[in-house]
C-alpha cells in the first residue's frame, strides 16, 4: 500500500511561508540560511530534515561555510513543518 502524501508548510519568523509537497517523506523541520556574501549580495539556502537534531546541524554547517566562503554574515532559521492534506496559501 502506498504511503499517504501530504503537504508540509513552514512559517518563518519573517512571515515567509514555504510549502513542500505533495510528499510521503517523514520530514519534520524546514531550515533556511540567509548569507550575505563578501560582495554584499545575498544568497539563500534551504532544505528540510527528518528531525530537529538533523536541522540543528545546519547551524554548524553554516558557521563552517561562512568561514570557508568568506560570508560577511549569515542567519539560520529552523521551524517545524505543519502537515496538511491540501496546500496552505501564504
PDB file of N, CA and C in Angstrom:
ATOM      1  N   UNK A   1       0.842  -1.181   0.000  1.00  0.00           N
ATOM      2  CA  UNK A   1       0.000   0.000   0.000  1.00  0.00           C
ATOM      3  C   UNK A   1       0.892   1.251   0.000  1.00  0.00           C
ATOM      4  N   UNK A   2       0.573   2.200  -0.819  1.00  0.00           N
ATOM      5  CA  UNK A   2       1.361   3.432  -0.938  1.00  0.00           C
ATOM      6  C   UNK A   2       1.135   4.325   0.276  1.00  0.00           C
ATOM      7  N   UNK A   3       2.191   5.035   0.648  1.00  0.00           N
ATOM      8  CA  UNK A   3       2.080   5.974   1.764  1.00  0.00           C
ATOM      9  C   UNK A   3       1.227   7.154   1.354  1.00  0.00           C
ATOM     10  N   UNK A   4       0.499   7.689   2.315  1.00  0.00           N
ATOM     11  CA  UNK A   4      -0.343   8.858   2.067  1.00  0.00           C
ATOM     12  C   UNK A   4       0.551  10.080   1.864  1.00  0.00           C
ATOM     13  N   UNK A   5       0.289  10.838   0.832  1.00  0.00           N
ATOM     14  CA  UNK A   5       1.065  12.045   0.558  1.00  0.00           C
ATOM     15  C   UNK A   5       0.382  13.253   1.189  1.00  0.00           C
ATOM     16  N   UNK A   6       1.213  14.124   1.765  1.00  0.00           N
ATOM     17  CA  UNK A   6       0.719  15.326   2.422  1.00  0.00           C
ATOM     18  C   UNK A   6       1.535  16.528   1.966  1.00  0.00           C
ATOM     19  N   UNK A   7       1.062  17.698   2.317  1.00  0.00           N
ATOM     20  CA  UNK A   7       1.805  18.929   2.081  1.00  0.00           C
ATOM     21  C   UNK A   7       2.439  19.352   3.407  1.00  0.00           C
ATOM     22  N   UNK A   8       3.628  19.886   3.331  1.00  0.00           N
ATOM     23  CA  UNK A   8       4.344  20.367   4.505  1.00  0.00           C
ATOM     24  C   UNK A   8       4.514  21.871   4.358  1.00  0.00           C
ATOM     25  N   UNK A   9       4.089  22.603   5.361  1.00  0.00           N
ATOM     26  CA  UNK A   9       4.175  24.063   5.302  1.00  0.00           C
ATOM     27  C   UNK A   9       5.018  24.576   6.461  1.00  0.00           C
ATOM     28  N   UNK A  10       5.968  25.419   6.124  1.00  0.00           N
ATOM     29  CA  UNK A  10       6.835  26.055   7.115  1.00  0.00           C
ATOM     30  C   UNK A  10       6.523  27.542   7.136  1.00  0.00           C
ATOM     31  N   UNK A  11       6.350  28.082   8.338  1.00  0.00           N
ATOM     32  CA  UNK A  11       6.107  29.518   8.514  1.00  0.00           C
ATOM     33  C   UNK A  11       7.315  30.108   9.249  1.00  0.00           C
ATOM     34  N   UNK A  12       8.061  30.938   8.546  1.00  0.00           N
ATOM     35  CA  UNK A  12       9.271  31.503   9.137  1.00  0.00           C
ATOM     36  C   UNK A  12       8.960  32.783   9.908  1.00  0.00           C
ATOM     37  N   UNK A  13       9.841  33.151  10.844  1.00  0.00           N
ATOM     38  CA  UNK A  13       9.598  34.326  11.692  1.00  0.00           C
ATOM     39  C   UNK A  13       9.374  35.629  10.928  1.00  0.00           C
ATOM     40  N   UNK A  14       9.962  35.755   9.732  1.00  0.00           N
ATOM     41  CA  UNK A  14       9.800  36.997   8.965  1.00  0.00           C
ATOM     42  C   UNK A  14       8.529  37.001   8.118  1.00  0.00           C
ATOM     43  N   UNK A  15       7.691  35.959   8.258  1.00  0.00           N
ATOM     44  CA  UNK A  15       6.427  35.900   7.533  1.00  0.00           C
ATOM     45  C   UNK A  15       6.473  35.068   6.267  1.00  0.00           C
ATOM     46  N   UNK A  16       7.651  34.662   5.839  1.00  0.00           N
ATOM     47  CA  UNK A  16       7.778  33.832   4.641  1.00  0.00           C
ATOM     48  C   UNK A  16       7.133  32.467   4.890  1.00  0.00           C
ATOM     49  N   UNK A  17       6.372  31.986   3.913  1.00  0.00           N
ATOM     50  CA  UNK A  17       5.717  30.681   4.014  1.00  0.00           C
ATOM     51  C   UNK A  17       6.211  29.809   2.873  1.00  0.00           C
ATOM     52  N   UNK A  18       6.709  28.624   3.196  1.00  0.00           N
ATOM     53  CA  UNK A  18       7.216  27.673   2.201  1.00  0.00           C
ATOM     54  C   UNK A  18       6.387  26.402   2.293  1.00  0.00           C
ATOM     55  N   UNK A  19       5.811  25.976   1.161  1.00  0.00           N
ATOM     56  CA  UNK A  19       5.052  24.732   1.109  1.00  0.00           C
ATOM     57  C   UNK A  19       5.802  23.726   0.266  1.00  0.00           C
ATOM     58  N   UNK A  20       5.904  22.522   0.780  1.00  0.00           N
ATOM     59  CA  UNK A  20       6.608  21.421   0.130  1.00  0.00           C
ATOM     60  C   UNK A  20       5.605  20.308  -0.102  1.00  0.00           C
ATOM     61  N   UNK A  21       5.633  19.721  -1.288  1.00  0.00           N
ATOM     62  CA  UNK A  21       4.768  18.554  -1.493  1.00  0.00           C
ATOM     63  C   UNK A  21       3.984  18.635  -2.767  1.00  0.00           C
ATOM     64  N   UNK A  22       3.209  17.605  -2.964  1.00  0.00           N
ATOM     65  CA  UNK A  22       2.898  16.527  -2.029  1.00  0.00           C
ATOM     66  C   UNK A  22       4.077  15.559  -1.872  1.00  0.00           C
ATOM     67  N   UNK A  23       4.233  15.049  -0.647  1.00  0.00           N
ATOM     68  CA  UNK A  23       5.321  14.135  -0.349  1.00  0.00           C
ATOM     69  C   UNK A  23       4.882  13.089   0.670  1.00  0.00           C
ATOM     70  N   UNK A  24       5.493  11.937   0.599  1.00  0.00           N
ATOM     71  CA  UNK A  24       5.253  10.881   1.582  1.00  0.00           C
ATOM     72  C   UNK A  24       6.421  10.791   2.564  1.00  0.00           C
ATOM     73  N   UNK A  25       7.421  11.670   2.411  1.00  0.00           N
ATOM     74  CA  UNK A  25       8.582  11.650   3.292  1.00  0.00           C
ATOM     75  C   UNK A  25       8.206  12.125   4.698  1.00  0.00           C
ATOM     76  N   UNK A  26       8.851  11.559   5.693  1.00  0.00           N
ATOM     77  CA  UNK A  26       8.579  11.900   7.092  1.00  0.00           C
ATOM     78  C   UNK A  26       9.448  13.075   7.528  1.00  0.00           C
ATOM     79  N   UNK A  27       9.272  14.222   6.901  1.00  0.00           N
ATOM     80  CA  UNK A  27      10.064  15.416   7.223  1.00  0.00           C
ATOM     81  C   UNK A  27       9.379  16.183   8.343  1.00  0.00           C
ATOM     82  N   UNK A  28      10.171  16.726   9.271  1.00  0.00           N
ATOM     83  CA  UNK A  28       9.597  17.416  10.429  1.00  0.00           C
ATOM     84  C   UNK A  28       9.974  18.886  10.532  1.00  0.00           C
ATOM     85  N   UNK A  29      11.105  19.276   9.918  1.00  0.00           N
ATOM     86  CA  UNK A  29      11.589  20.642  10.070  1.00  0.00           C
ATOM     87  C   UNK A  29      12.100  21.202   8.745  1.00  0.00           C
ATOM     88  N   UNK A  30      12.010  22.506   8.621  1.00  0.00           N
ATOM     89  CA  UNK A  30      12.498  23.255   7.469  1.00  0.00           C
ATOM     90  C   UNK A  30      13.578  24.193   7.992  1.00  0.00           C
ATOM     91  N   UNK A  31      14.651  24.332   7.227  1.00  0.00           N
ATOM     92  CA  UNK A  31      15.707  25.265   7.619  1.00  0.00           C
ATOM     93  C   UNK A  31      16.051  26.179   6.446  1.00  0.00           C
ATOM     94  N   UNK A  32      16.492  27.375   6.795  1.00  0.00           N
ATOM     95  CA  UNK A  32      16.886  28.358   5.780  1.00  0.00           C
ATOM     96  C   UNK A  32      18.107  29.105   6.286  1.00  0.00           C
ATOM     97  N   UNK A  33      19.107  29.227   5.413  1.00  0.00           N
ATOM     98  CA  UNK A  33      20.299  30.010   5.710  1.00  0.00           C
ATOM     99  C   UNK A  33      20.303  31.195   4.754  1.00  0.00           C
ATOM    100  N   UNK A  34      20.331  32.405   5.304  1.00  0.00           N
ATOM    101  CA  UNK A  34      20.442  33.618   4.504  1.00  0.00           C
ATOM    102  C   UNK A  34      21.860  34.135   4.722  1.00  0.00           C
ATOM    103  N   UNK A  35      22.642  34.142   3.663  1.00  0.00           N
ATOM    104  CA  UNK A  35      24.053  34.526   3.746  1.00  0.00           C
ATOM    105  C   UNK A  35      24.291  35.836   2.993  1.00  0.00           C
ATOM    106  N   UNK A  36      25.016  36.733   3.629  1.00  0.00           N
ATOM    107  CA  UNK A  36      25.457  37.972   2.978  1.00  0.00           C
ATOM    108  C   UNK A  36      26.889  37.716   2.529  1.00  0.00           C
ATOM    109  N   UNK A  37      27.092  37.742   1.218  1.00  0.00           N
ATOM    110  CA  UNK A  37      28.396  37.450   0.646  1.00  0.00           C
ATOM    111  C   UNK A  37      29.343  38.634   0.768  1.00  0.00           C
ATOM    112  N   UNK A  38      30.614  38.393   0.528  1.00  0.00           N
ATOM    113  CA  UNK A  38      31.623  39.456   0.593  1.00  0.00           C
ATOM    114  C   UNK A  38      31.290  40.601  -0.363  1.00  0.00           C
ATOM    115  N   UNK A  39      30.631  40.282  -1.475  1.00  0.00           N
ATOM    116  CA  UNK A  39      30.257  41.293  -2.470  1.00  0.00           C
ATOM    117  C   UNK A  39      29.067  42.129  -2.036  1.00  0.00           C
ATOM    118  N   UNK A  40      28.407  41.712  -0.926  1.00  0.00           N
ATOM    119  CA  UNK A  40      27.212  42.415  -0.474  1.00  0.00           C
ATOM    120  C   UNK A  40      25.930  41.777  -0.961  1.00  0.00           C
ATOM    121  N   UNK A  41      26.033  40.851  -1.911  1.00  0.00           N
ATOM    122  CA  UNK A  41      24.853  40.147  -2.409  1.00  0.00           C
ATOM    123  C   UNK A  41      24.383  39.142  -1.361  1.00  0.00           C
ATOM    124  N   UNK A  42      23.120  38.755  -1.474  1.00  0.00           N
ATOM    125  CA  UNK A  42      22.534  37.794  -0.541  1.00  0.00           C
ATOM    126  C   UNK A  42      22.225  36.494  -1.265  1.00  0.00           C
ATOM    127  N   UNK A  43      22.535  35.376  -0.634  1.00  0.00           N
ATOM    128  CA  UNK A  43      22.168  34.058  -1.147  1.00  0.00           C
ATOM    129  C   UNK A  43      21.352  33.349  -0.089  1.00  0.00           C
ATOM    130  N   UNK A  44      20.380  32.560  -0.545  1.00  0.00           N
ATOM    131  CA  UNK A  44      19.524  31.809   0.365  1.00  0.00           C
ATOM    132  C   UNK A  44      19.678  30.328   0.061  1.00  0.00           C
ATOM    133  N   UNK A  45      19.903  29.543   1.108  1.00  0.00           N
ATOM    134  CA  UNK A  45      19.990  28.091   1.011  1.00  0.00           C
ATOM    135  C   UNK A  45      18.894  27.532   1.910  1.00  0.00           C
ATOM    136  N   UNK A  46      18.213  26.486   1.472  1.00  0.00           N
ATOM    137  CA  UNK A  46      17.149  25.934   2.293  1.00  0.00           C
ATOM    138  C   UNK A  46      17.069  24.422   2.124  1.00  0.00           C
ATOM    139  N   UNK A  47      16.383  23.818   3.053  1.00  0.00           N
ATOM    140  CA  UNK A  47      16.178  22.379   2.984  1.00  0.00           C
ATOM    141  C   UNK A  47      15.238  21.939   4.086  1.00  0.00           C
ATOM    142  N   UNK A  48      15.048  20.640   4.173  1.00  0.00           N
ATOM    143  CA  UNK A  48      14.181  20.088   5.202  1.00  0.00           C
ATOM    144  C   UNK A  48      14.839  18.852   5.775  1.00  0.00           C
ATOM    145  N   UNK A  49      14.417  18.474   6.970  1.00  0.00           N
ATOM    146  CA  UNK A  49      15.069  17.366   7.653  1.00  0.00           C
ATOM    147  C   UNK A  49      14.046  16.479   8.346  1.00  0.00           C
ATOM    148  N   UNK A  50      14.529  15.331   8.779  1.00  0.00           N
ATOM    149  CA  UNK A  50      13.664  14.346   9.419  1.00  0.00           C
ATOM    150  C   UNK A  50      13.630  14.469  10.934  1.00  0.00           C
ATOM    151  N   UNK A  51      14.392  15.421  11.493  1.00  0.00           N
ATOM    152  CA  UNK A  51      14.378  15.631  12.935  1.00  0.00           C
ATOM    153  C   UNK A  51      14.918  17.022  13.259  1.00  0.00           C
ATOM    154  N   UNK A  52      14.619  17.482  14.467  1.00  0.00           N
ATOM    155  CA  UNK A  52      15.143  18.774  14.903  1.00  0.00           C
ATOM    156  C   UNK A  52      16.663  18.702  15.041  1.00  0.00           C
ATOM    157  N   UNK A  53      17.170  17.582  15.546  1.00  0.00           N
ATOM    158  CA  UNK A  53      18.623  17.428  15.697  1.00  0.00           C
ATOM    159  C   UNK A  53      19.324  17.526  14.351  1.00  0.00           C
ATOM    160  N   UNK A  54      18.753  16.904  13.344  1.00  0.00           N
ATOM    161  CA  UNK A  54      19.332  16.967  11.995  1.00  0.00           C
ATOM    162  C   UNK A  54      19.309  18.408  11.482  1.00  0.00           C
ATOM    163  N   UNK A  55      18.211  19.109  11.722  1.00  0.00           N
ATOM    164  CA  UNK A  55      18.093  20.501  11.274  1.00  0.00           C
ATOM    165  C   UNK A  55      19.099  21.396  11.993  1.00  0.00           C
ATOM    166  N   UNK A  56      19.326  21.146  13.272  1.00  0.00           N
ATOM    167  CA  UNK A  56      20.258  21.972  14.043  1.00  0.00           C
ATOM    168  C   UNK A  56      21.693  21.814  13.559  1.00  0.00           C
ATOM    169  N   UNK A  57      22.021  20.690  12.954  1.00  0.00           N
ATOM    170  CA  UNK A  57      23.362  20.512  12.404  1.00  0.00           C
ATOM    171  C   UNK A  57      23.629  21.524  11.293  1.00  0.00           C
ATOM    172  N   UNK A  58      22.574  22.021  10.681  1.00  0.00           N
ATOM    173  CA  UNK A  58      22.695  23.043   9.643  1.00  0.00           C
ATOM    174  C   UNK A  58      23.368  24.297  10.195  1.00  0.00           C
ATOM    175  N   UNK A  59      23.088  24.624  11.455  1.00  0.00           N
ATOM    176  CA  UNK A  59      23.706  25.804  12.066  1.00  0.00           C
ATOM    177  C   UNK A  59      25.222  25.656  12.093  1.00  0.00           C
ATOM    178  N   UNK A  60      25.705  24.492  12.471  1.00  0.00           N
ATOM    179  CA  UNK A  60      27.158  24.255  12.498  1.00  0.00           C
ATOM    180  C   UNK A  60      27.745  24.316  11.093  1.00  0.00           C
ATOM    181  N   UNK A  61      27.022  23.753  10.138  1.00  0.00           N
ATOM    182  CA  UNK A  61      27.495  23.783   8.752  1.00  0.00           C
ATOM    183  C   UNK A  61      27.536  25.211   8.224  1.00  0.00           C
ATOM    184  N   UNK A  62      26.582  26.038   8.632  1.00  0.00           N
ATOM    185  CA  UNK A  62      26.562  27.439   8.187  1.00  0.00           C
ATOM    186  C   UNK A  62      27.761  28.197   8.732  1.00  0.00           C
ATOM    187  N   UNK A  63      28.141  27.918   9.960  1.00  0.00           N
ATOM    188  CA  UNK A  63      29.317  28.575  10.550  1.00  0.00           C
ATOM    189  C   UNK A  63      30.563  28.179   9.762  1.00  0.00           C
ATOM    190  N   UNK A  64      30.682  26.900   9.445  1.00  0.00           N
ATOM    191  CA  UNK A  64      31.822  26.437   8.648  1.00  0.00           C
ATOM    192  C   UNK A  64      31.815  27.064   7.259  1.00  0.00           C
ATOM    193  N   UNK A  65      30.640  27.117   6.628  1.00  0.00           N
ATOM    194  CA  UNK A  65      30.530  27.694   5.283  1.00  0.00           C
ATOM    195  C   UNK A  65      30.888  29.177   5.303  1.00  0.00           C
ATOM    196  N   UNK A  66      30.467  29.888   6.350  1.00  0.00           N
ATOM    197  CA  UNK A  66      30.768  31.321   6.446  1.00  0.00           C
ATOM    198  C   UNK A  66      32.276  31.546   6.468  1.00  0.00           C
ATOM    199  N   UNK A  67      32.983  30.714   7.217  1.00  0.00           N
ATOM    200  CA  UNK A  67      34.439  30.850   7.293  1.00  0.00           C
ATOM    201  C   UNK A  67      35.104  30.455   5.977  1.00  0.00           C
ATOM    202  N   UNK A  68      34.644  29.374   5.384  1.00  0.00           N
ATOM    203  CA  UNK A  68      35.229  28.867   4.146  1.00  0.00           C
ATOM    204  C   UNK A  68      34.954  29.780   2.952  1.00  0.00           C
ATOM    205  N   UNK A  69      33.741  30.282   2.871  1.00  0.00           N
ATOM    206  CA  UNK A  69      33.328  31.066   1.700  1.00  0.00           C
ATOM    207  C   UNK A  69      33.461  32.568   1.886  1.00  0.00           C
ATOM    208  N   UNK A  70      33.856  33.010   3.069  1.00  0.00           N
ATOM    209  CA  UNK A  70      34.071  34.426   3.294  1.00  0.00           C
ATOM    210  C   UNK A  70      32.800  35.257   3.374  1.00  0.00           C
ATOM    211  N   UNK A  71      31.719  34.676   3.912  1.00  0.00           N
ATOM    212  CA  UNK A  71      30.492  35.442   4.067  1.00  0.00           C
ATOM    213  C   UNK A  71      30.695  36.556   5.076  1.00  0.00           C
ATOM    214  N   UNK A  72      30.070  37.725   4.821  1.00  0.00           N
ATOM    215  CA  UNK A  72      30.100  38.821   5.785  1.00  0.00           C
ATOM    216  C   UNK A  72      29.286  38.448   7.020  1.00  0.00           C
ATOM    217  N   UNK A  73      28.123  37.830   6.778  1.00  0.00           N
ATOM    218  CA  UNK A  73      27.253  37.414   7.874  1.00  0.00           C
ATOM    219  C   UNK A  73      26.287  36.352   7.347  1.00  0.00           C
ATOM    220  N   UNK A  74      25.584  35.719   8.275  1.00  0.00           N
ATOM    221  CA  UNK A  74      24.564  34.747   7.892  1.00  0.00           C
ATOM    222  C   UNK A  74      23.557  34.605   9.022  1.00  0.00           C
ATOM    223  N   UNK A  75      22.382  34.109   8.677  1.00  0.00           N
ATOM    224  CA  UNK A  75      21.319  33.881   9.655  1.00  0.00           C
ATOM    225  C   UNK A  75      20.670  32.541   9.345  1.00  0.00           C
ATOM    226  N   UNK A  76      20.405  31.741  10.376  1.00  0.00           N
ATOM    227  CA  UNK A  76      19.783  30.438  10.197  1.00  0.00           C
ATOM    228  C   UNK A  76      18.426  30.439  10.890  1.00  0.00           C
ATOM    229  N   UNK A  77      17.382  30.016  10.161  1.00  0.00           N
ATOM    230  CA  UNK A  77      16.051  29.814  10.737  1.00  0.00           C
ATOM    231  C   UNK A  77      15.733  28.335  10.663  1.00  0.00           C
ATOM    232  N   UNK A  78      15.170  27.791  11.737  1.00  0.00           N
ATOM    233  CA  UNK A  78      14.705  26.406  11.756  1.00  0.00           C
ATOM    234  C   UNK A  78      13.298  26.421  12.329  1.00  0.00           C
ATOM    235  N   UNK A  79      12.344  25.849  11.590  1.00  0.00           N
ATOM    236  CA  UNK A  79      10.960  25.790  12.070  1.00  0.00           C
ATOM    237  C   UNK A  79      10.374  24.415  11.806  1.00  0.00           C
ATOM    238  N   UNK A  80       9.439  24.023  12.659  1.00  0.00           N
ATOM    239  CA  UNK A  80       8.710  22.777  12.453  1.00  0.00           C
ATOM    240  C   UNK A  80       7.737  22.972  11.297  1.00  0.00           C
ATOM    241  N   UNK A  81       7.471  21.905  10.557  1.00  0.00           N
ATOM    242  CA  UNK A  81       6.523  21.990   9.448  1.00  0.00           C
ATOM    243  C   UNK A  81       5.143  21.537   9.908  1.00  0.00           C
ATOM    244  N   UNK A  82       4.135  22.082   9.263  1.00  0.00           N
ATOM    245  CA  UNK A  82       2.744  21.706   9.514  1.00  0.00           C
ATOM    246  C   UNK A  82       2.318  20.760   8.396  1.00  0.00           C
ATOM    247  N   UNK A  83       1.745  19.616   8.756  1.00  0.00           N
ATOM    248  CA  UNK A  83       1.311  18.618   7.772  1.00  0.00           C
ATOM    249  C   UNK A  83      -0.168  18.816   7.477  1.00  0.00           C
ATOM    250  N   UNK A  84      -0.537  18.960   6.187  1.00  0.00           N
ATOM    251  CA  UNK A  84      -1.926  19.132   5.794  1.00  0.00           C
ATOM    252  C   UNK A  84      -2.232  18.321   4.539  1.00  0.00           C
ATOM    253  N   UNK A  85      -3.491  18.073   4.311  1.00  0.00           N
ATOM    254  CA  UNK A  85      -3.934  17.338   3.127  1.00  0.00           C
ATOM    255  C   UNK A  85      -3.915  18.200   1.865  1.00  0.00           C
ATOM    256  N   UNK A  86      -4.062  19.512   2.055  1.00  0.00           N
ATOM    257  CA  UNK A  86      -4.063  20.441   0.921  1.00  0.00           C
ATOM    258  C   UNK A  86      -3.052  21.555   1.205  1.00  0.00           C
ATOM    259  N   UNK A  87      -2.532  22.184   0.154  1.00  0.00           N
ATOM    260  CA  UNK A  87      -1.543  23.250   0.389  1.00  0.00           C
ATOM    261  C   UNK A  87      -2.157  24.436   1.128  1.00  0.00           C
ATOM    262  N   UNK A  88      -1.352  25.070   1.946  1.00  0.00           N
ATOM    263  CA  UNK A  88      -1.783  26.265   2.682  1.00  0.00           C
ATOM    264  C   UNK A  88      -1.266  27.480   1.925  1.00  0.00           C
ATOM    265  N   UNK A  89      -2.148  28.422   1.682  1.00  0.00           N
ATOM    266  CA  UNK A  89      -1.747  29.652   0.988  1.00  0.00           C
ATOM    267  C   UNK A  89      -0.948  30.526   1.935  1.00  0.00           C
ATOM    268  N   UNK A  90       0.083  31.183   1.405  1.00  0.00           N
ATOM    269  CA  UNK A  90       0.952  32.047   2.212  1.00  0.00           C
ATOM    270  C   UNK A  90       0.336  33.368   2.393  1.00  0.00           C
TER     271      UNK A  90
END
